[in-house]
Amino acid sequence: MGSLTTMEKLSKGNAEQAQRRFCALAYNPQPLSVRSLPIESVILFVFQDECGSLCFSVSPELGQIVRGEGLAYIESLLKDFVERAKTCPAELFQQLCSLAVGPLVTVEVGTRLSEYPRLKELSSQFTPF
């Protein structure tokens, strides 16, 4: 019986490791402190799996959060991220985890999204890009 419980724990742990690392990025058109940004300003989640591959999830509200020239700029960044993820995913993820200047800034980096209930709920509404 004890072995089964251990196996169940290992299985659950492996499932949580499937999306090993993540970073949440927010739109910050003005030079505001990252700490003062509302959670609704998060427009992008980047997930790195155990193999190092990246996947991106974008807010369905992107067009309402980011407008005009800002939207065109963010969309071009997203396309660039997808292309760069094909050739240098580790370097890109490291860079995205530390963005602090410009209209796209890192607001959270972690290993288990489940430990961040508000971000987990928000990410469930996002669309893979």
Protein backbone atom coordinates (compact mmCIF):
# COMPACT_ATOMS: atom_id res chain seq x y z
CA MET A 1 0.00 0.00 0.00
CA GLY A 2 2.80 2.44 0.88
CA SER A 3 4.36 1.95 -2.56
CA LEU A 4 1.13 2.90 -4.29
CA THR A 5 0.96 6.15 -2.34
CA THR A 6 4.56 6.89 -3.30
CA MET A 7 3.80 6.08 -6.94
CA GLU A 8 0.77 8.36 -6.86
CA LYS A 9 2.90 11.17 -5.45
CA LEU A 10 5.54 10.63 -8.12
CA SER A 11 2.91 10.61 -10.84
CA LYS A 12 1.35 13.83 -9.56
CA GLY A 13 4.78 15.44 -9.27
CA ASN A 14 5.63 14.45 -12.85
CA ALA A 15 2.36 15.95 -14.10
CA GLU A 16 3.15 19.23 -12.36
CA GLN A 17 6.63 19.21 -13.90
CA ALA A 18 5.15 18.95 -17.42
CA GLN A 19 5.11 22.75 -17.49
CA ARG A 20 8.25 23.17 -15.48
CA ARG A 21 8.77 26.92 -15.64
CA PHE A 22 6.71 29.93 -16.61
CA CYS A 23 6.91 33.68 -16.84
CA ALA A 24 4.07 36.18 -17.01
CA LEU A 25 4.55 39.39 -18.97
CA ALA A 26 2.45 42.53 -18.75
CA TYR A 27 1.87 45.50 -20.97
CA ASN A 28 3.34 48.61 -19.37
CA PRO A 29 3.09 51.56 -21.79
CA GLN A 30 4.20 54.05 -19.14
CA PRO A 31 7.21 53.64 -16.90
CA LEU A 32 5.22 52.29 -13.95
CA SER A 33 6.65 50.06 -11.27
CA VAL A 34 5.99 46.40 -12.07
CA ARG A 35 4.58 46.03 -8.54
CA SER A 36 1.86 48.60 -9.29
CA LEU A 37 0.64 46.93 -12.49
CA PRO A 38 -2.80 45.31 -12.20
CA ILE A 39 -3.02 41.59 -12.96
CA GLU A 40 -5.29 42.49 -15.90
CA SER A 41 -2.27 44.01 -17.65
CA VAL A 42 -0.72 40.53 -18.09
CA ILE A 43 -0.93 39.78 -21.80
CA LEU A 44 1.47 36.87 -22.26
CA PHE A 45 2.44 33.65 -20.50
CA VAL A 46 5.52 31.77 -21.64
CA PHE A 47 5.88 28.14 -20.56
CA GLN A 48 9.09 26.13 -20.77
CA ASP A 49 8.65 22.35 -20.64
CA GLU A 50 11.12 19.78 -19.31
CA CYS A 51 12.78 19.52 -22.74
CA GLY A 52 13.35 23.28 -22.91
CA SER A 53 10.70 23.95 -25.56
CA LEU A 54 8.61 27.08 -25.21
CA CYS A 55 4.93 27.69 -25.73
CA PHE A 56 3.13 31.00 -25.61
CA SER A 57 -0.37 31.92 -24.44
CA VAL A 58 -1.81 35.33 -25.25
CA SER A 59 -4.62 37.24 -23.58
CA PRO A 60 -7.91 37.23 -25.49
CA GLU A 61 -8.14 40.89 -24.44
CA LEU A 62 -4.88 41.85 -26.15
CA GLY A 63 -6.61 44.25 -28.56
CA GLN A 64 -8.41 46.01 -25.69
CA ILE A 65 -5.36 46.23 -23.43
CA VAL A 66 -2.93 47.35 -26.13
CA ARG A 67 -4.06 49.83 -28.77
CA GLY A 68 -2.78 51.55 -31.90
CA GLU A 69 0.93 51.47 -32.60
CA GLY A 70 1.49 49.64 -29.33
CA LEU A 71 -0.57 46.70 -30.62
CA ALA A 72 1.38 46.49 -33.87
CA TYR A 73 4.63 46.56 -31.88
CA ILE A 74 3.52 43.84 -29.43
CA GLU A 75 2.26 41.65 -32.28
CA SER A 76 5.63 41.97 -34.03
CA LEU A 77 7.38 41.00 -30.78
CA LEU A 78 5.17 37.93 -30.43
CA LYS A 79 6.00 36.80 -33.97
CA ASP A 80 9.69 37.34 -33.25
CA PHE A 81 9.44 35.32 -30.01
CA VAL A 82 7.88 32.38 -31.86
CA GLU A 83 10.67 32.41 -34.45
CA ARG A 84 13.44 32.76 -31.87
CA ALA A 85 11.93 29.96 -29.77
CA LYS A 86 12.65 27.59 -32.66
CA THR A 87 16.39 28.25 -32.63
CA CYS A 88 17.34 29.43 -29.14
CA PRO A 89 14.54 28.69 -26.65
CA ALA A 90 16.68 28.68 -23.49
CA GLU A 91 18.20 32.08 -24.23
CA LEU A 92 14.83 33.55 -25.16
CA PHE A 93 13.18 32.24 -22.00
CA GLN A 94 15.98 33.68 -19.87
CA GLN A 95 15.57 37.05 -21.58
CA LEU A 96 11.77 37.04 -21.19
CA CYS A 97 12.10 36.20 -17.50
CA SER A 98 14.02 39.40 -16.90
CA LEU A 99 12.35 42.08 -19.05
CA ALA A 100 12.22 45.27 -17.01
CA VAL A 101 12.33 48.09 -19.57
CA GLY A 102 9.91 48.91 -22.37
CA PRO A 103 6.22 48.22 -22.90
CA LEU A 104 6.48 44.48 -22.17
CA VAL A 105 7.77 43.64 -18.69
CA THR A 106 8.10 40.50 -16.60
CA VAL A 107 5.76 40.47 -13.61
CA GLU A 108 6.25 36.91 -12.34
CA VAL A 109 8.54 33.93 -12.88
CA GLY A 110 7.95 30.56 -11.29
CA THR A 111 8.13 26.81 -11.53
CA ARG A 112 4.55 25.86 -10.62
CA LEU A 113 1.72 28.01 -11.87
CA SER A 114 -0.55 26.29 -9.34
CA GLU A 115 1.27 28.23 -6.61
CA TYR A 116 -0.05 31.49 -8.12
CA PRO A 117 -3.87 31.10 -8.06
CA ARG A 118 -4.70 34.48 -9.63
CA LEU A 119 -2.24 33.95 -12.47
CA LYS A 120 -3.36 30.36 -12.95
CA GLU A 121 -6.98 31.48 -13.30
CA LEU A 122 -6.00 34.25 -15.69
CA SER A 123 -3.83 31.92 -17.81
CA SER A 124 -6.75 29.50 -18.23
CA GLN A 125 -8.48 32.18 -20.32
CA PHE A 126 -5.48 32.76 -22.60
CA THR A 127 -5.10 31.36 -26.12
CA PRO A 128 -2.05 29.44 -27.38
CA PHE A 129 -0.07 31.49 -29.88
